[in-house]
Structures are given as C-alpha cells and as structure tokens.
Protein backbone atom coordinates (compact mmCIF):
# COMPACT_ATOMS: atom_id res chain seq x y z
CA MET A 1 2.91 3.48 20.27
CA ILE A 2 5.32 6.37 20.65
CA ARG A 3 4.17 9.50 18.81
CA GLU A 4 6.94 11.68 17.45
CA PRO A 5 5.57 15.16 16.82
CA ALA A 6 7.66 17.02 14.29
CA GLU A 7 7.65 20.52 12.89
CA THR A 8 8.59 21.15 9.29
CA THR A 9 8.33 24.02 6.83
CA VAL A 10 6.95 24.27 3.32
CA SER A 11 9.82 25.40 1.10
CA GLU A 12 9.54 28.13 -1.53
CA ALA A 13 9.26 25.29 -4.09
CA GLY A 14 6.32 23.79 -2.17
CA ILE A 15 8.31 20.85 -0.81
CA VAL A 16 7.79 19.44 2.69
CA GLU A 17 10.26 17.00 4.23
CA ILE A 18 8.61 14.52 6.60
CA PRO A 19 10.98 13.06 9.21
CA LEU A 20 11.71 9.34 8.84
CA GLY A 21 10.44 8.63 12.37
CA VAL A 22 6.98 9.94 11.48
CA LEU A 23 6.94 7.88 8.27
CA ALA A 24 8.03 4.78 10.18
CA GLU A 25 5.20 5.26 12.71
CA ALA A 26 2.80 5.29 9.74
CA GLY A 27 4.36 2.14 8.28
CA LEU A 28 5.87 3.97 5.31
CA SER A 29 9.41 3.22 4.21
CA PRO A 30 11.70 5.08 1.81
CA GLY A 31 10.80 4.38 -1.81
CA VAL A 32 7.14 3.47 -1.21
CA ALA A 33 4.64 5.12 -3.60
CA VAL A 34 2.18 7.45 -1.86
CA VAL A 35 -0.80 9.58 -2.83
CA VAL A 36 -1.08 13.01 -1.21
CA TYR A 37 -4.30 15.02 -1.17
CA SER A 38 -6.19 17.63 0.83
CA ASP A 39 -8.98 16.28 3.01
CA GLY A 40 -10.81 19.58 2.51
CA ASP A 41 -10.71 20.58 6.17
CA GLY A 42 -7.16 21.85 6.40
CA ARG A 43 -5.57 18.42 6.75
CA ILE A 44 -3.22 16.84 4.24
CA VAL A 45 -3.48 13.08 3.81
CA VAL A 46 -0.52 10.88 2.83
CA ARG A 47 -1.53 7.31 1.94
CA ARG A 48 0.11 4.31 0.36
CA LYS A 49 -0.78 4.37 -3.33
CA GLU A 50 -2.05 0.78 -3.27
CA ASP A 51 -4.35 1.51 -0.29
CA ALA A 52 -5.73 4.68 -1.90
CA ILE A 53 -6.41 2.91 -5.20
CA ARG A 54 -8.11 -0.01 -3.43
CA ASP A 55 -10.40 2.37 -1.51
CA LEU A 56 -11.16 4.31 -4.69
CA LEU A 57 -12.16 1.13 -6.53
CA GLU A 58 -14.14 -0.39 -3.64
CA ASN A 59 -15.81 2.76 -2.27
CA GLY A 60 -15.65 5.26 -5.12
CA SER A 61 -13.73 7.76 -2.98
CA LEU A 62 -10.45 8.19 -1.17
C-alpha cells in the first residue's frame, strides 16, 4: 500500500480538509457518513458511521 502523507491546517472556523488520496487509502469516498472523535491521546479518529455504530453496539465503546 502506498502511504500518502499530507499536511493540512485547521482553519479559523475549525475546519480541516483531508486530501482525497488519504481518504481513498482509508476506503472512504466522497459523500460517506463518518464519525470524528478524539482518541484522548492527541489523535483524531475518522471512522465510517456504520462501523462506529456497530462497534458501539457490540462492544459498548468506539
């Protein structure tokens, strides 16, 4: 798998644009619903909504 490191900036409005190549590597396409949350250790997690909900229901946590 080719990793495409990318640098982006948080805008004044708190918006971050993730390059399409990075999303494609993660299997995410434009229009897909995602859940975004802090992992508590400085990392931000972006997950497909359906995967996050399934894990929440099955395991009780994200």
